[in-house]
Amino acid sequence: MRQEHGRHDWSWLKSEIITKWTNNSWRLQMENTFESASFNSEKYELLTWFHKQKDRLSALHPDMSDSMINMKILRKCGGELEHAIKCRCVKPCSTEDYIDAMEDIITRTGICKTWIRNIMESKMIPNISRED
């Protein structure tokens, strides 16, 4: 590429790479991976998941503001966690503030953890049926 076009700065090279490699199938794949990825604290580490989602949205919509990107990512967190983060971060915050709030909420409350019901307890409760 340098032999064909000569020396250029990084912004020109980046725009050339984007125009050459981005096509409709790439966009569709990025949108599908963003839409299918919801946060699970047992499956993903919070920091890497958040930054992956941010990179995907930045690649799809380079002109989108950081606050809009953060809001779209928060919608992928789920009902209780999203509500807790929005209550904690009232004003539009930076990415670091959202990540700190998410980590604090997850470690203190355990919102994203899945709970396994103990089967032995349910067997020990007597089944009292009323016969008339």
N, C-alpha and C. Protein backbone atom coordinates (compact mmCIF):
# COMPACT_ATOMS: atom_id res chain seq x y z
N MET A 1 0.82 -1.19 0.00
CA MET A 1 0.00 0.00 0.00
C MET A 1 0.87 1.25 0.00
N ARG A 2 1.94 1.20 0.74
CA ARG A 2 2.84 2.35 0.78
C ARG A 2 3.51 2.56 -0.57
N GLN A 3 3.80 1.46 -1.28
CA GLN A 3 4.43 1.59 -2.60
C GLN A 3 3.47 2.23 -3.60
N GLU A 4 2.19 1.93 -3.49
CA GLU A 4 1.22 2.50 -4.41
C GLU A 4 0.92 3.97 -4.11
N HIS A 5 0.75 4.30 -2.82
CA HIS A 5 0.26 5.63 -2.46
C HIS A 5 1.31 6.53 -1.82
N GLY A 6 2.46 6.02 -1.48
CA GLY A 6 3.47 6.84 -0.84
C GLY A 6 3.25 6.95 0.66
N ARG A 7 3.95 7.88 1.29
CA ARG A 7 3.83 8.05 2.74
C ARG A 7 2.64 8.94 3.07
N HIS A 8 1.83 8.45 4.02
CA HIS A 8 0.69 9.22 4.52
C HIS A 8 0.61 9.04 6.03
N ASP A 9 -0.15 9.92 6.67
CA ASP A 9 -0.30 9.82 8.12
C ASP A 9 -1.31 8.71 8.47
N TRP A 10 -1.43 8.46 9.77
CA TRP A 10 -2.23 7.33 10.24
C TRP A 10 -3.72 7.52 9.93
N SER A 11 -4.24 8.72 10.03
CA SER A 11 -5.67 8.93 9.77
C SER A 11 -6.02 8.56 8.33
N TRP A 12 -5.16 8.89 7.38
CA TRP A 12 -5.42 8.51 5.99
C TRP A 12 -5.37 6.99 5.83
N LEU A 13 -4.36 6.35 6.43
CA LEU A 13 -4.25 4.89 6.34
C LEU A 13 -5.46 4.21 6.99
N LYS A 14 -5.90 4.72 8.13
CA LYS A 14 -7.05 4.14 8.81
C LYS A 14 -8.30 4.24 7.95
N SER A 15 -8.52 5.39 7.33
CA SER A 15 -9.70 5.53 6.47
C SER A 15 -9.62 4.61 5.26
N GLU A 16 -8.44 4.41 4.71
CA GLU A 16 -8.28 3.49 3.58
C GLU A 16 -8.55 2.04 3.99
N ILE A 17 -8.08 1.66 5.16
CA ILE A 17 -8.33 0.30 5.66
C ILE A 17 -9.81 0.09 5.89
N ILE A 18 -10.47 1.09 6.47
CA ILE A 18 -11.91 0.97 6.72
C ILE A 18 -12.68 0.85 5.42
N THR A 19 -12.35 1.67 4.43
CA THR A 19 -13.08 1.58 3.17
C THR A 19 -12.80 0.28 2.43
N LYS A 20 -11.62 -0.28 2.61
CA LYS A 20 -11.31 -1.52 1.90
C LYS A 20 -11.94 -2.74 2.58
N TRP A 21 -11.90 -2.80 3.91
CA TRP A 21 -12.30 -4.03 4.60
C TRP A 21 -13.71 -4.02 5.17
N THR A 22 -14.30 -2.86 5.37
CA THR A 22 -15.66 -2.86 5.92
C THR A 22 -16.67 -3.02 4.80
N ASN A 23 -17.51 -3.99 4.96
CA ASN A 23 -18.59 -4.22 4.00
C ASN A 23 -19.84 -4.59 4.78
N ASN A 24 -20.91 -4.89 4.08
CA ASN A 24 -22.18 -5.15 4.74
C ASN A 24 -22.15 -6.39 5.62
N SER A 25 -21.45 -7.43 5.20
CA SER A 25 -21.40 -8.64 6.03
C SER A 25 -20.62 -8.39 7.32
N TRP A 26 -19.56 -7.59 7.24
CA TRP A 26 -18.80 -7.25 8.45
C TRP A 26 -19.68 -6.45 9.41
N ARG A 27 -20.42 -5.47 8.89
CA ARG A 27 -21.32 -4.68 9.73
C ARG A 27 -22.38 -5.55 10.38
N LEU A 28 -22.96 -6.45 9.60
CA LEU A 28 -23.99 -7.34 10.13
C LEU A 28 -23.43 -8.24 11.23
N GLN A 29 -22.22 -8.74 11.02
CA GLN A 29 -21.60 -9.59 12.03
C GLN A 29 -21.33 -8.80 13.31
N MET A 30 -20.84 -7.58 13.19
CA MET A 30 -20.57 -6.75 14.37
C MET A 30 -21.87 -6.41 15.11
N GLU A 31 -22.92 -6.09 14.38
CA GLU A 31 -24.20 -5.79 15.01
C GLU A 31 -24.77 -7.02 15.73
N ASN A 32 -24.65 -8.18 15.10
CA ASN A 32 -25.16 -9.40 15.72
C ASN A 32 -24.39 -9.77 16.97
N THR A 33 -23.07 -9.62 16.93
CA THR A 33 -22.28 -9.94 18.13
C THR A 33 -22.57 -8.95 19.26
N PHE A 34 -22.80 -7.68 18.91
CA PHE A 34 -23.15 -6.72 19.96
C PHE A 34 -24.52 -7.03 20.54
N GLU A 35 -25.49 -7.34 19.70
CA GLU A 35 -26.84 -7.60 20.17
C GLU A 35 -26.93 -8.89 20.99
N SER A 36 -26.12 -9.88 20.64
CA SER A 36 -26.21 -11.16 21.35
C SER A 36 -25.41 -11.19 22.65
N ALA A 37 -24.51 -10.25 22.85
CA ALA A 37 -23.66 -10.26 24.04
C ALA A 37 -24.34 -9.51 25.18
N SER A 38 -24.83 -10.24 26.15
CA SER A 38 -25.33 -9.62 27.37
C SER A 38 -24.37 -9.98 28.51
N PHE A 39 -24.32 -9.13 29.52
CA PHE A 39 -23.31 -9.32 30.55
C PHE A 39 -23.70 -10.43 31.51
N ASN A 40 -22.74 -11.29 31.79
CA ASN A 40 -22.87 -12.35 32.78
C ASN A 40 -21.57 -12.36 33.57
N SER A 41 -21.65 -12.08 34.87
CA SER A 41 -20.44 -11.93 35.67
C SER A 41 -19.67 -13.24 35.83
N GLU A 42 -20.34 -14.37 35.67
CA GLU A 42 -19.65 -15.65 35.78
C GLU A 42 -18.97 -16.06 34.49
N LYS A 43 -19.41 -15.48 33.39
CA LYS A 43 -18.87 -15.84 32.08
C LYS A 43 -17.79 -14.87 31.61
N TYR A 44 -17.98 -13.58 31.88
CA TYR A 44 -17.07 -12.55 31.39
C TYR A 44 -16.49 -11.76 32.55
N GLU A 45 -15.32 -11.21 32.33
CA GLU A 45 -14.78 -10.21 33.25
C GLU A 45 -15.34 -8.86 32.81
N LEU A 46 -15.74 -8.05 33.76
CA LEU A 46 -16.47 -6.83 33.46
C LEU A 46 -15.69 -5.87 32.56
N LEU A 47 -14.44 -5.64 32.88
CA LEU A 47 -13.65 -4.66 32.15
C LEU A 47 -13.47 -5.07 30.69
N THR A 48 -13.13 -6.33 30.45
CA THR A 48 -12.92 -6.77 29.07
C THR A 48 -14.23 -6.78 28.30
N TRP A 49 -15.34 -7.19 28.94
CA TRP A 49 -16.64 -7.20 28.25
C TRP A 49 -17.06 -5.78 27.88
N PHE A 50 -16.91 -4.84 28.80
CA PHE A 50 -17.32 -3.46 28.55
C PHE A 50 -16.52 -2.86 27.41
N HIS A 51 -15.20 -3.08 27.43
CA HIS A 51 -14.37 -2.49 26.37
C HIS A 51 -14.59 -3.16 25.02
N LYS A 52 -14.89 -4.46 25.00
CA LYS A 52 -15.23 -5.11 23.73
C LYS A 52 -16.49 -4.50 23.14
N GLN A 53 -17.50 -4.30 24.00
CA GLN A 53 -18.74 -3.71 23.50
C GLN A 53 -18.51 -2.27 23.02
N LYS A 54 -17.68 -1.55 23.74
CA LYS A 54 -17.39 -0.17 23.34
C LYS A 54 -16.64 -0.14 22.01
N ASP A 55 -15.69 -1.05 21.82
CA ASP A 55 -14.97 -1.12 20.55
C ASP A 55 -15.89 -1.49 19.40
N ARG A 56 -16.82 -2.41 19.65
CA ARG A 56 -17.76 -2.80 18.59
C ARG A 56 -18.64 -1.63 18.18
N LEU A 57 -19.17 -0.91 19.18
CA LEU A 57 -20.02 0.23 18.85
C LEU A 57 -19.23 1.36 18.19
N SER A 58 -18.00 1.57 18.63
CA SER A 58 -17.18 2.61 18.02
C SER A 58 -16.84 2.27 16.57
N ALA A 59 -16.67 0.99 16.28
CA ALA A 59 -16.39 0.59 14.91
C ALA A 59 -17.63 0.73 14.03
N LEU A 60 -18.79 0.41 14.58
CA LEU A 60 -20.03 0.52 13.80
C LEU A 60 -20.45 1.97 13.61
N HIS A 61 -20.35 2.75 14.68
CA HIS A 61 -20.80 4.15 14.64
C HIS A 61 -19.68 5.05 15.15
N PRO A 62 -18.74 5.42 14.29
CA PRO A 62 -17.60 6.22 14.77
C PRO A 62 -17.98 7.63 15.23
N ASP A 63 -19.12 8.14 14.79
CA ASP A 63 -19.51 9.49 15.18
C ASP A 63 -20.38 9.53 16.43
N MET A 64 -20.65 8.38 17.04
CA MET A 64 -21.49 8.33 18.25
C MET A 64 -20.69 8.83 19.46
N SER A 65 -21.36 9.59 20.31
CA SER A 65 -20.68 10.15 21.49
C SER A 65 -20.46 9.06 22.54
N ASP A 66 -19.55 9.34 23.47
CA ASP A 66 -19.25 8.37 24.53
C ASP A 66 -20.44 8.13 25.44
N SER A 67 -21.22 9.17 25.71
CA SER A 67 -22.38 8.98 26.59
C SER A 67 -23.43 8.09 25.94
N MET A 68 -23.62 8.21 24.63
CA MET A 68 -24.57 7.33 23.93
C MET A 68 -24.05 5.89 23.89
N ILE A 69 -22.75 5.73 23.70
CA ILE A 69 -22.16 4.38 23.71
C ILE A 69 -22.35 3.74 25.07
N ASN A 70 -22.10 4.51 26.13
CA ASN A 70 -22.27 3.97 27.49
C ASN A 70 -23.72 3.59 27.76
N MET A 71 -24.67 4.39 27.29
CA MET A 71 -26.09 4.07 27.49
C MET A 71 -26.48 2.80 26.75
N LYS A 72 -25.99 2.62 25.53
CA LYS A 72 -26.30 1.39 24.78
C LYS A 72 -25.71 0.17 25.46
N ILE A 73 -24.51 0.32 26.02
CA ILE A 73 -23.88 -0.80 26.72
C ILE A 73 -24.64 -1.11 28.01
N LEU A 74 -25.10 -0.08 28.71
CA LEU A 74 -25.86 -0.32 29.94
C LEU A 74 -27.14 -1.08 29.68
N ARG A 75 -27.76 -0.86 28.53
CA ARG A 75 -28.98 -1.59 28.19
C ARG A 75 -28.72 -3.08 28.03
N LYS A 76 -27.48 -3.46 27.74
CA LYS A 76 -27.14 -4.87 27.57
C LYS A 76 -26.86 -5.56 28.90
N CYS A 77 -26.85 -4.81 30.00
CA CYS A 77 -26.52 -5.39 31.30
C CYS A 77 -27.67 -6.13 31.96
N GLY A 78 -28.86 -5.84 31.61
CA GLY A 78 -30.00 -6.48 32.26
C GLY A 78 -30.72 -5.52 33.18
N GLY A 79 -31.93 -5.86 33.55
CA GLY A 79 -32.82 -4.97 34.28
C GLY A 79 -32.32 -4.47 35.61
N GLU A 80 -32.01 -5.37 36.53
CA GLU A 80 -31.63 -4.94 37.88
C GLU A 80 -30.29 -4.22 37.90
N LEU A 81 -29.32 -4.74 37.17
CA LEU A 81 -28.01 -4.11 37.15
C LEU A 81 -28.08 -2.75 36.45
N GLU A 82 -28.80 -2.68 35.35
CA GLU A 82 -28.95 -1.41 34.64
C GLU A 82 -29.60 -0.36 35.54
N HIS A 83 -30.65 -0.75 36.25
CA HIS A 83 -31.34 0.18 37.15
C HIS A 83 -30.42 0.64 38.28
N ALA A 84 -29.67 -0.28 38.85
CA ALA A 84 -28.76 0.08 39.95
C ALA A 84 -27.67 1.03 39.48
N ILE A 85 -27.15 0.82 38.27
CA ILE A 85 -26.10 1.70 37.76
C ILE A 85 -26.67 3.08 37.45
N LYS A 86 -27.86 3.12 36.86
CA LYS A 86 -28.46 4.42 36.54
C LYS A 86 -28.80 5.20 37.81
N CYS A 87 -29.15 4.50 38.89
CA CYS A 87 -29.40 5.19 40.16
C CYS A 87 -28.10 5.70 40.78
N ARG A 88 -27.03 4.96 40.60
CA ARG A 88 -25.75 5.36 41.17
C ARG A 88 -25.12 6.49 40.38
N CYS A 89 -25.16 6.43 39.05
CA CYS A 89 -24.56 7.45 38.18
C CYS A 89 -25.69 8.28 37.59
N VAL A 90 -26.08 9.33 38.29
CA VAL A 90 -27.24 10.12 37.87
C VAL A 90 -26.93 10.94 36.62
N LYS A 91 -25.85 11.66 36.63
CA LYS A 91 -25.50 12.49 35.47
C LYS A 91 -24.72 11.65 34.46
N PRO A 92 -24.59 12.12 33.23
CA PRO A 92 -23.75 11.38 32.27
C PRO A 92 -22.31 11.31 32.77
N CYS A 93 -21.83 10.11 32.96
CA CYS A 93 -20.50 9.89 33.54
C CYS A 93 -19.54 9.39 32.48
N SER A 94 -18.30 9.32 32.87
CA SER A 94 -17.29 8.77 31.97
C SER A 94 -17.35 7.24 32.03
N THR A 95 -16.63 6.62 31.12
CA THR A 95 -16.60 5.16 31.07
C THR A 95 -16.03 4.58 32.35
N GLU A 96 -15.01 5.21 32.90
CA GLU A 96 -14.40 4.72 34.13
C GLU A 96 -15.37 4.76 35.30
N ASP A 97 -16.18 5.82 35.36
CA ASP A 97 -17.17 5.91 36.44
C ASP A 97 -18.20 4.80 36.34
N TYR A 98 -18.65 4.50 35.12
CA TYR A 98 -19.62 3.42 34.93
C TYR A 98 -19.01 2.07 35.32
N ILE A 99 -17.78 1.84 34.91
CA ILE A 99 -17.14 0.56 35.23
C ILE A 99 -16.93 0.42 36.74
N ASP A 100 -16.49 1.50 37.39
CA ASP A 100 -16.33 1.46 38.85
C ASP A 100 -17.65 1.18 39.55
N ALA A 101 -18.71 1.82 39.09
CA ALA A 101 -20.03 1.60 39.70
C ALA A 101 -20.49 0.17 39.47
N MET A 102 -20.27 -0.36 38.28
CA MET A 102 -20.68 -1.73 37.98
C MET A 102 -19.93 -2.73 38.85
N GLU A 103 -18.62 -2.55 38.96
CA GLU A 103 -17.83 -3.46 39.80
C GLU A 103 -18.28 -3.40 41.25
N ASP A 104 -18.53 -2.20 41.74
CA ASP A 104 -18.96 -2.05 43.13
C ASP A 104 -20.32 -2.70 43.36
N ILE A 105 -21.25 -2.49 42.45
CA ILE A 105 -22.59 -3.07 42.60
C ILE A 105 -22.53 -4.59 42.54
N ILE A 106 -21.77 -5.12 41.61
CA ILE A 106 -21.69 -6.58 41.45
C ILE A 106 -21.05 -7.23 42.67
N THR A 107 -19.97 -6.64 43.20
CA THR A 107 -19.31 -7.26 44.35
C THR A 107 -20.13 -7.11 45.63
N ARG A 108 -20.84 -6.00 45.79
CA ARG A 108 -21.60 -5.80 47.02
C ARG A 108 -22.93 -6.52 47.03
N THR A 109 -23.63 -6.52 45.91
CA THR A 109 -24.98 -7.08 45.90
C THR A 109 -25.06 -8.44 45.25
N GLY A 110 -24.17 -8.75 44.32
CA GLY A 110 -24.24 -10.03 43.62
C GLY A 110 -25.42 -10.11 42.68
N ILE A 111 -25.75 -9.00 42.03
CA ILE A 111 -26.93 -8.95 41.17
C ILE A 111 -26.82 -9.92 40.00
N CYS A 112 -25.69 -10.02 39.36
CA CYS A 112 -25.57 -10.83 38.14
C CYS A 112 -25.27 -12.30 38.40
N LYS A 113 -25.21 -12.70 39.63
CA LYS A 113 -24.90 -14.10 39.92
C LYS A 113 -26.15 -14.95 39.77
N THR A 114 -25.95 -16.16 39.30
CA THR A 114 -27.08 -17.09 39.21
C THR A 114 -27.10 -17.92 40.48
N TRP A 115 -28.27 -18.08 41.02
CA TRP A 115 -28.44 -18.82 42.26
C TRP A 115 -28.99 -20.19 41.95
N ILE A 116 -28.42 -21.20 42.60
CA ILE A 116 -28.86 -22.57 42.40
C ILE A 116 -29.72 -22.96 43.59
N ARG A 117 -30.89 -23.44 43.29
CA ARG A 117 -31.81 -23.83 44.35
C ARG A 117 -31.36 -25.16 44.94
N ASN A 118 -31.41 -25.24 46.23
CA ASN A 118 -31.02 -26.46 46.91
C ASN A 118 -32.19 -27.44 46.85
N ILE A 119 -31.99 -28.54 46.18
CA ILE A 119 -33.07 -29.51 45.99
C ILE A 119 -33.38 -30.24 47.29
N MET A 120 -32.41 -30.45 48.13
CA MET A 120 -32.63 -31.18 49.38
C MET A 120 -33.59 -30.43 50.30
N GLU A 121 -33.54 -29.12 50.32
CA GLU A 121 -34.44 -28.36 51.18
C GLU A 121 -35.89 -28.54 50.75
N SER A 122 -36.12 -28.54 49.45
CA SER A 122 -37.50 -28.66 48.99
C SER A 122 -38.06 -30.05 49.27
N LYS A 123 -37.21 -31.06 49.36
CA LYS A 123 -37.69 -32.41 49.69
C LYS A 123 -38.00 -32.54 51.18
N MET A 124 -37.36 -31.72 51.99
CA MET A 124 -37.57 -31.82 53.42
C MET A 124 -38.86 -31.13 53.87
N ILE A 125 -39.39 -30.23 53.05
CA ILE A 125 -40.63 -29.56 53.41
C ILE A 125 -41.77 -30.54 53.17
N PRO A 126 -42.56 -30.79 54.19
CA PRO A 126 -43.65 -31.76 54.01
C PRO A 126 -44.72 -31.21 53.09
N ASN A 127 -45.26 -32.07 52.30
CA ASN A 127 -46.35 -31.72 51.41
C ASN A 127 -47.66 -32.02 52.12
N ILE A 128 -48.31 -31.01 52.60
CA ILE A 128 -49.57 -31.18 53.34
C ILE A 128 -50.71 -30.93 52.36
N SER A 129 -51.40 -31.96 52.05
CA SER A 129 -52.55 -31.79 51.16
C SER A 129 -53.82 -31.86 52.00
N ARG A 130 -54.72 -31.05 51.67
CA ARG A 130 -55.96 -30.97 52.44
C ARG A 130 -57.02 -31.81 51.74
N GLU A 131 -57.49 -32.79 52.43
CA GLU A 131 -58.52 -33.65 51.87
C GLU A 131 -59.82 -33.39 52.61
N ASP A 132 -60.84 -33.11 51.88
CA ASP A 132 -62.15 -32.84 52.50
C ASP A 132 -63.08 -34.01 52.37
